[in-house]
Amino acid sequence: MPLGQGIGQMMEALRDRVEVSGSEPTWQVTAGSFDTALAYARERFDDPVVLARSDRDRWWPRVTLTVTTDPALASSAPPLEDLARPPVSEEPGPDPAGPEPVVPEQTVRSDTGMPSALAAIFDHQEQLRIARQRVPDHD
């Protein structure tokens, strides 16, 4: 199996991984999506109620649901429909009408838009790749 395919399969498995922590009657179920975490909790625990949702998206999306089977805690749970929607970020995003960031022209190649030092490295790597593919001339 090619290395890239193996790495891709490993990353896919990590995204699909379900993690559980806590102890009866309250657990934290973490998965790649709300639906996956909820389906796992419903399958694993006897009629759980979702108390809270926490989202994280550093390298790939992860959703943690706090679930319980305790009737006293379940009575204070928010409606599931409210938790099913991803939380709205409280931090203001970039102003779409705002100015573009200014990058000094001498550090950017106009044809690629990338910094010239990085473009030089990519160009050198591409030349090496082409040279490896070239068949030598025989007299």
N, C-alpha and C. Protein backbone atom coordinates (compact mmCIF):
# COMPACT_ATOMS: atom_id res chain seq x y z
N MET A 1 0.85 -1.17 0.00
CA MET A 1 0.00 0.00 0.00
C MET A 1 0.90 1.23 0.00
N PRO A 2 0.61 2.20 -0.88
CA PRO A 2 1.39 3.43 -0.90
C PRO A 2 1.27 4.18 0.42
N LEU A 3 2.35 4.88 0.77
CA LEU A 3 2.39 5.60 2.04
C LEU A 3 1.27 6.63 2.15
N GLY A 4 1.03 7.38 1.08
CA GLY A 4 -0.01 8.41 1.10
C GLY A 4 -1.38 7.81 1.36
N GLN A 5 -1.66 6.66 0.77
CA GLN A 5 -2.95 6.00 0.98
C GLN A 5 -3.08 5.55 2.43
N GLY A 6 -1.99 5.02 2.99
CA GLY A 6 -2.00 4.59 4.38
C GLY A 6 -2.22 5.73 5.34
N ILE A 7 -1.58 6.86 5.06
CA ILE A 7 -1.76 8.04 5.91
C ILE A 7 -3.19 8.55 5.78
N GLY A 8 -3.72 8.56 4.57
CA GLY A 8 -5.11 9.00 4.36
C GLY A 8 -6.09 8.13 5.12
N GLN A 9 -5.89 6.81 5.10
CA GLN A 9 -6.78 5.90 5.82
C GLN A 9 -6.66 6.11 7.33
N MET A 10 -5.44 6.35 7.81
CA MET A 10 -5.25 6.59 9.23
C MET A 10 -5.96 7.87 9.67
N MET A 11 -5.85 8.93 8.88
CA MET A 11 -6.50 10.19 9.23
C MET A 11 -8.02 10.03 9.20
N GLU A 12 -8.54 9.27 8.24
CA GLU A 12 -9.98 9.02 8.18
C GLU A 12 -10.45 8.26 9.41
N ALA A 13 -9.65 7.28 9.84
CA ALA A 13 -10.01 6.50 11.03
C ALA A 13 -10.01 7.39 12.28
N LEU A 14 -9.06 8.33 12.35
CA LEU A 14 -9.02 9.24 13.49
C LEU A 14 -10.25 10.15 13.51
N ARG A 15 -10.66 10.62 12.34
CA ARG A 15 -11.84 11.48 12.28
C ARG A 15 -13.09 10.73 12.73
N ASP A 16 -13.19 9.46 12.37
CA ASP A 16 -14.37 8.65 12.70
C ASP A 16 -14.34 8.09 14.11
N ARG A 17 -13.25 8.24 14.81
CA ARG A 17 -13.09 7.65 16.13
C ARG A 17 -14.07 8.27 17.13
N VAL A 18 -14.64 7.41 17.97
CA VAL A 18 -15.53 7.86 19.04
C VAL A 18 -14.82 7.64 20.36
N GLU A 19 -14.81 8.66 21.21
CA GLU A 19 -14.16 8.57 22.52
C GLU A 19 -15.21 8.79 23.60
N VAL A 20 -15.10 8.03 24.68
CA VAL A 20 -16.05 8.15 25.79
C VAL A 20 -15.27 8.31 27.08
N SER A 21 -15.70 9.27 27.90
CA SER A 21 -15.11 9.43 29.23
C SER A 21 -16.24 9.68 30.22
N GLY A 22 -15.92 9.59 31.50
CA GLY A 22 -16.93 9.79 32.53
C GLY A 22 -17.37 8.46 33.12
N SER A 23 -18.32 8.55 34.02
CA SER A 23 -18.85 7.34 34.65
C SER A 23 -20.33 7.54 34.90
N GLU A 24 -21.01 6.44 35.17
CA GLU A 24 -22.45 6.47 35.34
C GLU A 24 -22.85 7.48 36.41
N PRO A 25 -23.77 8.34 36.18
CA PRO A 25 -24.77 8.40 35.12
C PRO A 25 -24.46 9.43 34.04
N THR A 26 -23.26 10.04 34.04
CA THR A 26 -22.95 11.12 33.09
C THR A 26 -21.65 10.81 32.35
N TRP A 27 -21.70 10.95 31.02
CA TRP A 27 -20.53 10.67 30.19
C TRP A 27 -20.33 11.80 29.18
N GLN A 28 -19.11 11.87 28.67
CA GLN A 28 -18.78 12.77 27.57
C GLN A 28 -18.46 11.87 26.37
N VAL A 29 -19.19 12.06 25.29
CA VAL A 29 -19.02 11.28 24.07
C VAL A 29 -18.49 12.23 23.00
N THR A 30 -17.30 11.93 22.47
CA THR A 30 -16.69 12.78 21.46
C THR A 30 -16.60 12.01 20.14
N ALA A 31 -17.00 12.67 19.06
CA ALA A 31 -16.98 12.06 17.73
C ALA A 31 -16.75 13.15 16.69
N GLY A 32 -16.75 12.75 15.43
CA GLY A 32 -16.51 13.70 14.34
C GLY A 32 -17.68 14.60 14.02
N SER A 33 -18.88 14.23 14.48
CA SER A 33 -20.05 15.07 14.23
C SER A 33 -21.07 14.87 15.35
N PHE A 34 -22.01 15.77 15.42
CA PHE A 34 -23.08 15.69 16.41
C PHE A 34 -23.87 14.39 16.22
N ASP A 35 -24.23 14.11 14.97
CA ASP A 35 -25.04 12.92 14.69
C ASP A 35 -24.32 11.63 15.07
N THR A 36 -23.02 11.55 14.80
CA THR A 36 -22.26 10.35 15.14
C THR A 36 -22.18 10.17 16.65
N ALA A 37 -21.90 11.27 17.37
CA ALA A 37 -21.82 11.19 18.83
C ALA A 37 -23.16 10.80 19.43
N LEU A 38 -24.24 11.38 18.93
CA LEU A 38 -25.57 11.08 19.45
C LEU A 38 -25.96 9.63 19.16
N ALA A 39 -25.69 9.16 17.95
CA ALA A 39 -26.02 7.78 17.60
C ALA A 39 -25.25 6.80 18.48
N TYR A 40 -23.98 7.08 18.73
CA TYR A 40 -23.18 6.20 19.59
C TYR A 40 -23.73 6.21 21.02
N ALA A 41 -24.05 7.39 21.55
CA ALA A 41 -24.56 7.48 22.93
C ALA A 41 -25.89 6.73 23.06
N ARG A 42 -26.74 6.86 22.06
CA ARG A 42 -28.03 6.16 22.12
C ARG A 42 -27.85 4.64 22.05
N GLU A 43 -26.86 4.20 21.30
CA GLU A 43 -26.60 2.77 21.18
C GLU A 43 -25.95 2.21 22.45
N ARG A 44 -25.07 2.99 23.04
CA ARG A 44 -24.28 2.50 24.18
C ARG A 44 -24.99 2.62 25.53
N PHE A 45 -25.74 3.71 25.73
CA PHE A 45 -26.35 3.98 27.03
C PHE A 45 -27.87 3.86 26.92
N ASP A 46 -28.51 3.56 28.01
CA ASP A 46 -29.95 3.35 28.05
C ASP A 46 -30.68 4.69 28.06
N ASP A 47 -31.22 5.07 26.90
CA ASP A 47 -32.03 6.29 26.76
C ASP A 47 -31.36 7.53 27.36
N PRO A 48 -30.17 7.94 26.83
CA PRO A 48 -29.49 9.11 27.40
C PRO A 48 -30.13 10.42 26.96
N VAL A 49 -29.91 11.44 27.77
CA VAL A 49 -30.36 12.80 27.47
C VAL A 49 -29.11 13.65 27.31
N VAL A 50 -29.08 14.49 26.26
CA VAL A 50 -27.92 15.35 26.02
C VAL A 50 -28.05 16.60 26.87
N LEU A 51 -27.03 16.84 27.70
CA LEU A 51 -27.01 18.01 28.58
C LEU A 51 -26.29 19.20 27.95
N ALA A 52 -25.22 18.91 27.20
CA ALA A 52 -24.41 20.00 26.66
C ALA A 52 -23.67 19.54 25.42
N ARG A 53 -23.21 20.51 24.65
CA ARG A 53 -22.44 20.26 23.43
C ARG A 53 -21.23 21.17 23.45
N SER A 54 -20.08 20.62 23.02
CA SER A 54 -18.86 21.40 22.91
C SER A 54 -18.20 21.05 21.58
N ASP A 55 -17.91 22.07 20.78
CA ASP A 55 -17.29 21.84 19.47
C ASP A 55 -15.83 22.29 19.51
N ARG A 56 -15.03 21.61 18.69
CA ARG A 56 -13.62 21.95 18.58
C ARG A 56 -13.22 21.69 17.14
N ASP A 57 -12.35 22.52 16.59
CA ASP A 57 -11.97 22.39 15.19
C ASP A 57 -10.53 22.83 14.98
N ARG A 58 -9.60 22.20 15.68
CA ARG A 58 -8.21 22.59 15.51
C ARG A 58 -7.61 21.96 14.26
N TRP A 59 -7.62 20.64 14.16
CA TRP A 59 -7.12 19.97 12.97
C TRP A 59 -8.25 19.37 12.15
N TRP A 60 -9.28 18.95 12.80
CA TRP A 60 -10.49 18.45 12.15
C TRP A 60 -11.63 18.59 13.14
N PRO A 61 -12.85 18.61 12.65
CA PRO A 61 -13.98 18.85 13.55
C PRO A 61 -14.18 17.72 14.56
N ARG A 62 -14.46 18.08 15.80
CA ARG A 62 -14.81 17.12 16.87
C ARG A 62 -15.94 17.74 17.67
N VAL A 63 -16.89 16.93 18.04
CA VAL A 63 -18.04 17.37 18.83
C VAL A 63 -18.09 16.50 20.09
N THR A 64 -18.18 17.14 21.25
CA THR A 64 -18.32 16.41 22.51
C THR A 64 -19.70 16.68 23.08
N LEU A 65 -20.43 15.60 23.33
CA LEU A 65 -21.74 15.70 23.96
C LEU A 65 -21.65 15.19 25.38
N THR A 66 -22.20 15.94 26.31
CA THR A 66 -22.32 15.47 27.69
C THR A 66 -23.71 14.86 27.80
N VAL A 67 -23.76 13.55 28.09
CA VAL A 67 -25.03 12.83 28.15
C VAL A 67 -25.21 12.24 29.54
N THR A 68 -26.47 12.03 29.91
CA THR A 68 -26.76 11.45 31.22
C THR A 68 -27.97 10.54 31.15
N THR A 69 -28.04 9.63 32.11
CA THR A 69 -29.24 8.80 32.28
C THR A 69 -29.91 9.13 33.61
N ASP A 70 -29.40 10.14 34.30
CA ASP A 70 -29.96 10.56 35.59
C ASP A 70 -31.20 11.44 35.34
N PRO A 71 -32.38 11.02 35.81
CA PRO A 71 -33.60 11.81 35.57
C PRO A 71 -33.54 13.21 36.16
N ALA A 72 -32.87 13.38 37.28
CA ALA A 72 -32.79 14.72 37.89
C ALA A 72 -31.98 15.67 37.01
N LEU A 73 -30.87 15.19 36.48
CA LEU A 73 -30.06 16.02 35.58
C LEU A 73 -30.77 16.22 34.24
N ALA A 74 -31.44 15.19 33.76
CA ALA A 74 -32.13 15.25 32.48
C ALA A 74 -33.24 16.30 32.47
N SER A 75 -33.83 16.56 33.60
CA SER A 75 -34.93 17.53 33.66
C SER A 75 -34.45 18.95 33.36
N SER A 76 -33.17 19.22 33.56
CA SER A 76 -32.65 20.57 33.28
C SER A 76 -31.96 20.67 31.91
N ALA A 77 -32.07 19.63 31.09
CA ALA A 77 -31.41 19.62 29.78
C ALA A 77 -32.11 20.55 28.80
N PRO A 78 -31.34 21.24 27.97
CA PRO A 78 -31.95 22.08 26.93
C PRO A 78 -32.58 21.19 25.85
N PRO A 79 -33.45 21.73 25.03
CA PRO A 79 -34.04 20.94 23.94
C PRO A 79 -32.95 20.41 22.99
N LEU A 80 -33.11 19.19 22.54
CA LEU A 80 -32.12 18.57 21.65
C LEU A 80 -31.96 19.36 20.36
N GLU A 81 -33.03 19.96 19.87
CA GLU A 81 -32.97 20.75 18.63
C GLU A 81 -31.99 21.92 18.77
N ASP A 82 -31.95 22.52 19.98
CA ASP A 82 -31.02 23.64 20.21
C ASP A 82 -29.58 23.16 20.19
N LEU A 83 -29.32 21.97 20.69
CA LEU A 83 -27.96 21.44 20.73
C LEU A 83 -27.53 20.87 19.39
N ALA A 84 -28.47 20.51 18.55
CA ALA A 84 -28.14 19.91 17.25
C ALA A 84 -27.46 20.91 16.33
N ARG A 85 -27.78 22.18 16.49
CA ARG A 85 -27.15 23.22 15.67
C ARG A 85 -25.80 23.60 16.26
N PRO A 86 -24.77 23.74 15.40
CA PRO A 86 -23.46 24.15 15.92
C PRO A 86 -23.55 25.51 16.60
N PRO A 87 -22.79 25.71 17.67
CA PRO A 87 -22.83 27.00 18.35
C PRO A 87 -22.28 28.10 17.45
N VAL A 88 -22.84 29.29 17.61
CA VAL A 88 -22.38 30.45 16.86
C VAL A 88 -21.19 31.04 17.58
N SER A 89 -20.14 31.32 16.84
CA SER A 89 -18.93 31.88 17.43
C SER A 89 -19.22 33.26 17.99
N GLU A 90 -18.72 33.49 19.21
CA GLU A 90 -18.90 34.79 19.84
C GLU A 90 -17.88 35.81 19.35
N GLU A 91 -16.77 35.31 18.77
CA GLU A 91 -15.73 36.22 18.30
C GLU A 91 -16.15 36.81 16.96
N PRO A 92 -15.99 38.12 16.80
CA PRO A 92 -16.35 38.70 15.51
C PRO A 92 -15.37 38.24 14.43
N GLY A 93 -15.91 37.91 13.27
CA GLY A 93 -15.06 37.47 12.16
C GLY A 93 -14.50 38.66 11.42
N PRO A 94 -13.72 38.40 10.38
CA PRO A 94 -13.17 39.52 9.61
C PRO A 94 -14.29 40.26 8.88
N ASP A 95 -14.12 41.55 8.77
CA ASP A 95 -15.10 42.37 8.08
C ASP A 95 -14.97 42.11 6.59
N PRO A 96 -16.03 41.56 5.94
CA PRO A 96 -15.91 41.25 4.52
C PRO A 96 -15.65 42.48 3.68
N ALA A 97 -16.07 43.65 4.14
CA ALA A 97 -15.84 44.87 3.37
C ALA A 97 -14.55 45.56 3.79
N GLY A 98 -13.84 44.96 4.73
CA GLY A 98 -12.61 45.57 5.24
C GLY A 98 -11.47 45.48 4.24
N PRO A 99 -10.38 46.18 4.53
CA PRO A 99 -9.25 46.19 3.60
C PRO A 99 -8.52 44.85 3.58
N GLU A 100 -7.93 44.55 2.44
CA GLU A 100 -7.11 43.35 2.30
C GLU A 100 -5.79 43.57 3.04
N PRO A 101 -5.19 42.51 3.57
CA PRO A 101 -3.90 42.68 4.22
C PRO A 101 -2.85 43.13 3.21
N VAL A 102 -1.97 44.00 3.66
CA VAL A 102 -0.93 44.54 2.79
C VAL A 102 0.33 43.68 2.94
N VAL A 103 0.82 43.16 1.81
CA VAL A 103 2.03 42.37 1.79
C VAL A 103 3.01 43.09 0.88
N PRO A 104 4.23 43.34 1.36
CA PRO A 104 5.20 44.02 0.50
C PRO A 104 5.41 43.25 -0.80
N GLU A 105 5.43 43.97 -1.93
CA GLU A 105 5.52 43.32 -3.23
C GLU A 105 6.80 42.52 -3.43
N GLN A 106 7.92 42.97 -2.88
CA GLN A 106 9.18 42.28 -3.12
C GLN A 106 9.21 40.89 -2.50
N THR A 107 8.29 40.56 -1.59
CA THR A 107 8.31 39.25 -0.97
C THR A 107 7.28 38.29 -1.57
N VAL A 108 6.54 38.74 -2.60
CA VAL A 108 5.51 37.90 -3.18
C VAL A 108 5.72 37.78 -4.68
N ARG A 109 5.66 36.54 -5.18
CA ARG A 109 5.71 36.34 -6.63
C ARG A 109 4.33 36.62 -7.17
N SER A 110 4.24 37.48 -8.16
CA SER A 110 2.93 37.88 -8.66
C SER A 110 2.22 36.74 -9.38
N ASP A 111 2.95 35.80 -9.98
CA ASP A 111 2.29 34.74 -10.74
C ASP A 111 1.64 33.68 -9.85
N THR A 112 2.15 33.47 -8.62
CA THR A 112 1.59 32.46 -7.74
C THR A 112 0.95 33.05 -6.50
N GLY A 113 1.35 34.25 -6.11
CA GLY A 113 0.81 34.86 -4.91
C GLY A 113 1.47 34.34 -3.65
N MET A 114 2.49 33.48 -3.77
CA MET A 114 3.14 32.96 -2.57
C MET A 114 4.45 33.68 -2.33
N PRO A 115 4.94 33.66 -1.10
CA PRO A 115 6.21 34.32 -0.79
C PRO A 115 7.32 33.80 -1.69
N SER A 116 8.22 34.69 -2.11
CA SER A 116 9.25 34.33 -3.08
C SER A 116 10.18 33.23 -2.56
N ALA A 117 10.52 33.22 -1.27
CA ALA A 117 11.39 32.17 -0.75
C ALA A 117 10.73 30.81 -0.86
N LEU A 118 9.46 30.75 -0.55
CA LEU A 118 8.72 29.50 -0.66
C LEU A 118 8.57 29.08 -2.12
N ALA A 119 8.30 30.05 -2.99
CA ALA A 119 8.19 29.75 -4.42
C ALA A 119 9.52 29.22 -4.96
N ALA A 120 10.64 29.77 -4.49
CA ALA A 120 11.95 29.29 -4.94
C ALA A 120 12.18 27.85 -4.52
N ILE A 121 11.77 27.49 -3.32
CA ILE A 121 11.92 26.11 -2.85
C ILE A 121 11.07 25.18 -3.72
N PHE A 122 9.82 25.57 -3.99
CA PHE A 122 8.95 24.74 -4.82
C PHE A 122 9.51 24.61 -6.24
N ASP A 123 10.03 25.71 -6.79
CA ASP A 123 10.61 25.66 -8.13
C ASP A 123 11.80 24.70 -8.17
N HIS A 124 12.66 24.77 -7.16
CA HIS A 124 13.83 23.88 -7.09
C HIS A 124 13.39 22.42 -6.99
N GLN A 125 12.40 22.13 -6.16
CA GLN A 125 11.90 20.77 -6.02
C GLN A 125 11.30 20.26 -7.33
N GLU A 126 10.61 21.13 -8.04
CA GLU A 126 10.02 20.74 -9.33
C GLU A 126 11.11 20.45 -10.36
N GLN A 127 12.19 21.24 -10.36
CA GLN A 127 13.31 20.98 -11.28
C GLN A 127 13.96 19.64 -10.97
N LEU A 128 14.13 19.32 -9.68
CA LEU A 128 14.69 18.02 -9.30
C LEU A 128 13.78 16.88 -9.73
N ARG A 129 12.48 17.05 -9.58
CA ARG A 129 11.53 16.01 -9.98
C ARG A 129 11.59 15.77 -11.48
N ILE A 130 11.64 16.84 -12.26
CA ILE A 130 11.71 16.71 -13.71
C ILE A 130 13.03 16.06 -14.12
N ALA A 131 14.12 16.42 -13.45
CA ALA A 131 15.41 15.85 -13.78
C ALA A 131 15.44 14.34 -13.51
N ARG A 132 14.75 13.88 -12.48
CA ARG A 132 14.71 12.44 -12.18
C ARG A 132 13.92 11.68 -13.23
N GLN A 133 12.97 12.33 -13.86
CA GLN A 133 12.14 11.67 -14.86
C GLN A 133 12.80 11.63 -16.24
N ARG A 134 13.75 12.49 -16.45
CA ARG A 134 14.38 12.61 -17.77
C ARG A 134 15.21 11.37 -18.07
N VAL A 135 15.07 10.87 -19.27
CA VAL A 135 15.86 9.71 -19.71
C VAL A 135 17.17 10.24 -20.27
N PRO A 136 18.32 9.70 -19.81
CA PRO A 136 19.59 10.20 -20.32
C PRO A 136 19.77 9.88 -21.80
N ASP A 137 20.43 10.80 -22.49
CA ASP A 137 20.72 10.59 -23.92
C ASP A 137 21.85 9.61 -24.08
N HIS A 138 21.69 8.63 -24.98
CA HIS A 138 22.76 7.66 -25.27
C HIS A 138 23.26 7.90 -26.68
N ASP A 139 24.57 7.86 -26.82
CA ASP A 139 25.17 8.07 -28.15
C ASP A 139 25.09 6.85 -29.01
